[in-house]
């Protein structure tokens, strides 16, 4: 039985207070203000974030093959890369891609602080413009595809598939819409209740929701699955589901 553990076991500091004060809300951006508190934001805003990370690392022990590349698309501050460093074989190269230089700056520091062992590369690129992947046994997108414009998602998933080796996988973690408006409304309510339990107040929740409205565009779970199958993946399986969050693994 595998016993993969992640290195990210404690809430990050400093605390996320980006939307704590009343403000004129603009579109959400992954700049320095967000990057500086992003780890805390993830811990308090993403249900079972640590367990999702552990599961991704666990799957890497089976999918990240010797001599191949593993891509973290939308690597942000490097949490997934750090956990993959502990799980993947020595000959695997880890590649992180993000369009935010502020995120990549913190990612570089985190990799250095963690004693990162694998050969690696960090690339600044906008996934809306596509991505070049080669010799990949595994690609990971943790809460990333939802920020790619819907117009470009099919092209992006097809390019990921093309760069994967046979039997390689794409791990996709996304916020999703409910199948029905009743469930969608309830799941959003349960999600906001979680955020309140984690210390966010009504103003913070409302202002962040407004900032994300035109930036984060979720699909329904079947729509994500259909997109992956349309791109050419052979199989898709849900490995995680919590109300309006899901994890899918797709096999080439």
Protein backbone atom coordinates (compact mmCIF):
# COMPACT_ATOMS: atom_id res chain seq x y z
CA UNK A 1 0.00 0.00 0.00
CA UNK A 2 1.41 3.38 -0.97
CA UNK A 3 1.95 5.93 1.77
CA UNK A 4 2.70 9.16 -0.04
CA UNK A 5 2.88 12.20 2.20
CA UNK A 6 3.15 15.80 1.12
CA UNK A 7 5.55 18.36 2.51
CA UNK A 8 2.80 20.97 2.77
CA UNK A 9 1.28 20.19 6.15
CA UNK A 10 0.96 23.63 7.75
CA UNK A 11 -1.06 26.70 6.73
CA UNK A 12 1.02 29.21 4.84
CA UNK A 13 1.76 32.73 6.07
CA UNK A 14 1.11 35.62 5.71
CA UNK A 15 -2.66 35.49 6.01
CA UNK A 16 -4.88 36.26 3.03
CA UNK A 17 -6.60 39.60 3.60
CA UNK A 18 -6.72 40.78 -0.01
CA UNK A 19 -10.48 41.42 0.06
CA UNK A 20 -10.89 42.20 3.76
CA UNK A 21 -11.44 45.95 3.37
CA UNK A 22 -14.20 47.58 1.29
CA UNK A 23 -12.82 48.40 -2.15
CA UNK A 24 -13.62 49.11 -5.77
CA UNK A 25 -13.41 45.55 -7.08
CA UNK A 26 -11.54 44.88 -10.32
CA UNK A 27 -10.85 41.61 -12.13
CA UNK A 28 -8.84 39.10 -10.09
CA UNK A 29 -5.12 39.09 -10.95
CA UNK A 30 -2.27 36.81 -9.93
CA UNK A 31 0.07 39.69 -9.11
CA UNK A 32 2.33 40.31 -6.14
CA UNK A 33 -0.50 41.05 -3.70
CA UNK A 34 -2.14 37.68 -4.38
CA UNK A 35 1.15 35.79 -4.76
CA UNK A 36 2.31 36.94 -1.31
CA UNK A 37 -0.68 35.25 0.39
CA UNK A 38 -1.55 32.58 -2.18
CA UNK A 39 -0.61 29.56 -0.08
CA UNK A 40 -2.88 30.69 2.74
CA UNK A 41 -5.59 31.44 0.18
CA UNK A 42 -5.37 27.89 -1.15
CA UNK A 43 -5.42 26.27 2.28
CA UNK A 44 -8.50 28.23 3.33
CA UNK A 45 -10.38 28.35 0.01
CA UNK A 46 -9.88 24.92 -1.57
CA UNK A 47 -11.63 22.03 0.19
CA UNK A 48 -9.27 19.17 1.07
CA UNK A 49 -6.40 20.94 -0.68
CA UNK A 50 -3.73 18.99 1.20
CA UNK A 51 -5.44 15.68 0.42
CA UNK A 52 -5.72 16.58 -3.27
CA UNK A 53 -2.00 17.32 -3.29
CA UNK A 54 -1.28 13.99 -1.58
CA UNK A 55 -3.39 12.14 -4.14
CA UNK A 56 -1.59 13.80 -7.05
CA UNK A 57 1.77 12.83 -5.58
CA UNK A 58 0.50 9.29 -5.02
CA UNK A 59 -0.57 8.97 -8.66
CA UNK A 60 2.82 10.29 -9.74
CA UNK A 61 4.46 7.20 -8.22
CA UNK A 62 2.66 5.16 -10.91
CA UNK A 63 2.47 7.55 -13.87
CA UNK A 64 5.75 9.55 -13.76
CA UNK A 65 8.00 7.19 -15.68
CA UNK A 66 11.79 7.15 -15.75
CA UNK A 67 13.42 9.54 -18.21
CA UNK A 68 10.22 11.48 -18.88
CA UNK A 69 8.99 15.00 -18.16
CA UNK A 70 6.20 15.91 -15.73
CA UNK A 71 4.50 19.27 -16.27
CA UNK A 72 2.71 21.40 -13.71
CA UNK A 73 0.67 23.82 -15.80
CA UNK A 74 -0.27 26.80 -13.67
CA UNK A 75 2.34 25.93 -11.05
CA UNK A 76 1.82 29.18 -9.06
CA UNK A 77 4.02 29.11 -5.92
CA UNK A 78 5.19 25.54 -6.49
CA UNK A 79 3.21 23.43 -4.02
CA UNK A 80 2.57 20.62 -6.48
CA UNK A 81 6.16 20.66 -7.72
CA UNK A 82 7.48 20.29 -4.16
CA UNK A 83 5.24 17.29 -3.59
CA UNK A 84 6.16 15.75 -6.93
CA UNK A 85 9.81 16.16 -5.98
CA UNK A 86 9.19 13.82 -3.06
CA UNK A 87 7.19 11.28 -5.10
CA UNK A 88 8.67 11.06 -8.61
CA UNK A 89 11.64 8.91 -9.60
CA UNK A 90 15.09 10.50 -9.76
CA UNK A 91 15.35 10.55 -13.56
CA UNK A 92 12.11 12.49 -14.02
CA UNK A 93 12.36 16.16 -14.99
CA UNK A 94 9.79 18.49 -13.42
CA UNK A 95 8.63 21.50 -15.43
CA UNK A 96 6.47 24.29 -14.03
CA UNK A 97 4.61 26.74 -16.25
CA UNK A 98 2.88 29.93 -15.10
CA UNK A 99 2.15 33.29 -16.70
CA UNK A 100 2.71 35.27 -13.46
CA UNK A 101 6.30 36.28 -12.80
CA UNK A 102 5.28 37.11 -9.23
CA UNK A 103 4.15 33.53 -8.71
CA UNK A 104 7.27 32.12 -10.36
CA UNK A 105 9.49 34.26 -8.15
CA UNK A 106 7.94 32.70 -5.07
CA UNK A 107 8.04 29.29 -6.69
CA UNK A 108 11.78 29.54 -7.24
CA UNK A 109 12.30 30.50 -3.62
CA UNK A 110 10.10 27.66 -2.38
CA UNK A 111 11.96 25.10 -4.45
CA UNK A 112 15.26 26.38 -3.07
CA UNK A 113 13.99 26.37 0.51
CA UNK A 114 12.62 22.83 0.18
CA UNK A 115 15.95 21.38 -0.94
CA UNK A 116 14.46 20.50 -4.32
CA UNK A 117 16.34 17.52 -5.78
CA UNK A 118 14.96 16.94 -9.26
CA UNK A 119 16.19 18.46 -12.47
CA UNK A 120 13.63 21.14 -13.21
CA UNK A 121 12.66 24.12 -15.31
CA UNK A 122 10.28 27.03 -14.71
CA UNK A 123 8.68 28.69 -17.74
CA UNK A 124 6.73 31.92 -17.91
CA UNK A 125 3.98 31.42 -20.49
CA UNK A 126 0.30 32.20 -21.05
CA UNK A 127 -1.68 28.99 -21.49
CA UNK A 128 -4.25 30.92 -23.53
CA UNK A 129 -1.59 31.01 -26.22
CA UNK A 130 -0.96 27.27 -25.98
CA UNK A 131 1.87 25.24 -24.52
CA UNK A 132 4.62 23.03 -25.91
CA UNK A 133 4.86 19.67 -24.16
CA UNK A 134 7.19 16.84 -25.06
CA UNK A 135 8.20 13.43 -23.69
CA UNK A 136 5.62 13.82 -20.92
CA UNK A 137 4.37 10.97 -18.77
CA UNK A 138 2.17 13.27 -16.73
CA UNK A 139 0.70 16.77 -16.84
CA UNK A 140 -1.06 18.43 -13.92
CA UNK A 141 -3.47 21.35 -13.92
CA UNK A 142 -4.60 22.23 -10.40
CA UNK A 143 -7.33 24.88 -10.55
CA UNK A 144 -5.79 26.23 -13.75
CA UNK A 145 -7.96 25.34 -16.74
CA UNK A 146 -10.87 27.31 -15.24
CA UNK A 147 -8.81 30.48 -15.77
CA UNK A 148 -8.09 29.67 -19.43
CA UNK A 149 -10.60 31.31 -21.75
CA UNK A 150 -13.17 28.74 -22.92
CA UNK A 151 -12.32 29.61 -26.53
CA UNK A 152 -8.82 28.13 -26.05
CA UNK A 153 -9.51 25.13 -23.81
CA UNK A 154 -10.04 22.55 -26.54
CA UNK A 155 -6.84 23.58 -28.31
CA UNK A 156 -4.90 23.48 -25.04
CA UNK A 157 -6.11 20.02 -24.03
CA UNK A 158 -5.32 18.68 -27.50
CA UNK A 159 -1.77 20.07 -27.32
CA UNK A 160 -1.31 18.47 -23.90
CA UNK A 161 -2.47 15.12 -25.30
CA UNK A 162 -0.06 15.40 -28.23
CA UNK A 163 2.85 15.95 -25.88
CA UNK A 164 2.02 13.03 -23.61
CA UNK A 165 3.65 9.66 -24.09
CA UNK A 166 1.46 6.59 -24.58
CA UNK A 167 -0.37 5.80 -21.32
CA UNK A 168 0.56 9.23 -19.99
CA UNK A 169 -2.04 11.08 -17.96
CA UNK A 170 -3.48 14.51 -17.41
CA UNK A 171 -4.63 15.30 -13.87
CA UNK A 172 -7.20 18.06 -13.85
CA UNK A 173 -8.55 19.69 -10.67
CA UNK A 174 -11.33 22.19 -11.28
CA UNK A 175 -14.14 24.12 -9.71
CA UNK A 176 -17.31 22.97 -11.47
CA UNK A 177 -20.92 23.95 -11.92
CA UNK A 178 -23.69 21.75 -10.56
CA UNK A 179 -25.75 19.64 -12.95
CA UNK A 180 -28.93 21.43 -11.92
CA UNK A 181 -29.57 24.96 -10.64
CA UNK A 182 -30.83 23.55 -7.33
CA UNK A 183 -27.61 21.63 -6.70
CA UNK A 184 -25.51 24.49 -8.01
CA UNK A 185 -27.08 26.91 -5.55
CA UNK A 186 -26.72 24.49 -2.63
CA UNK A 187 -23.11 23.59 -3.44
CA UNK A 188 -22.13 27.24 -3.64
CA UNK A 189 -23.78 27.83 -0.27
CA UNK A 190 -21.89 24.90 1.26
CA UNK A 191 -18.67 26.24 -0.23
CA UNK A 192 -19.17 29.69 1.25
CA UNK A 193 -19.95 28.05 4.59
CA UNK A 194 -16.55 26.34 4.37
CA UNK A 195 -14.86 29.67 3.69
CA UNK A 196 -16.58 31.19 6.72
CA UNK A 197 -15.37 28.28 8.87
CA UNK A 198 -11.88 29.07 7.63
CA UNK A 199 -12.11 32.68 8.77
CA UNK A 200 -13.35 34.63 5.76
CA UNK A 201 -16.16 37.11 6.39
CA UNK A 202 -19.16 37.98 4.19
CA UNK A 203 -17.45 41.02 2.67
CA UNK A 204 -14.34 39.07 1.70
CA UNK A 205 -16.42 36.33 0.10
CA UNK A 206 -18.61 38.80 -1.81
CA UNK A 207 -15.74 40.92 -3.09
CA UNK A 208 -13.67 37.95 -4.20
CA UNK A 209 -16.70 36.47 -5.95
CA UNK A 210 -17.14 39.74 -7.85
CA UNK A 211 -13.43 39.87 -8.76
CA UNK A 212 -13.54 36.32 -10.13
CA UNK A 213 -16.82 36.67 -12.01
CA UNK A 214 -15.32 37.33 -15.45
CA UNK A 215 -12.01 35.58 -14.81
CA UNK A 216 -12.85 32.12 -13.46
CA UNK A 217 -15.27 30.38 -15.86
CA UNK A 218 -16.18 26.88 -14.62
CA UNK A 219 -17.66 24.07 -16.69
CA UNK A 220 -19.98 21.34 -15.52
CA UNK A 221 -18.24 18.06 -14.71
CA UNK A 222 -19.64 16.29 -17.83
CA UNK A 223 -18.49 19.23 -19.97
CA UNK A 224 -14.92 18.81 -18.71
CA UNK A 225 -15.10 15.08 -19.33
CA UNK A 226 -16.49 15.55 -22.85
CA UNK A 227 -13.74 18.08 -23.61
CA UNK A 228 -11.05 15.58 -22.62
CA UNK A 229 -12.60 12.76 -24.64
CA UNK A 230 -13.05 15.11 -27.59
CA UNK A 231 -9.34 15.93 -27.41
CA UNK A 232 -8.57 12.22 -27.79
CA UNK A 233 -8.00 10.91 -24.27
CA UNK A 234 -9.05 7.24 -24.01
CA UNK A 235 -10.40 7.22 -20.47
CA UNK A 236 -11.45 9.77 -17.86
CA UNK A 237 -12.04 8.97 -14.21
CA UNK A 238 -13.11 11.17 -11.30
CA UNK A 239 -10.72 10.67 -8.38
CA UNK A 240 -12.00 13.47 -6.15
CA UNK A 241 -15.35 15.22 -5.69
CA UNK A 242 -16.50 17.72 -3.06
CA UNK A 243 -19.67 19.60 -3.97
CA UNK A 244 -18.47 22.05 -6.66
CA UNK A 245 -14.84 20.89 -6.81
CA UNK A 246 -13.59 17.82 -8.68
CA UNK A 247 -10.44 16.01 -9.72
CA UNK A 248 -10.25 14.07 -13.00
CA UNK A 249 -7.48 11.83 -14.31
CA UNK A 250 -7.46 11.27 -18.09
CA UNK A 251 -5.35 8.64 -19.82
CA UNK A 252 -3.82 8.84 -23.29
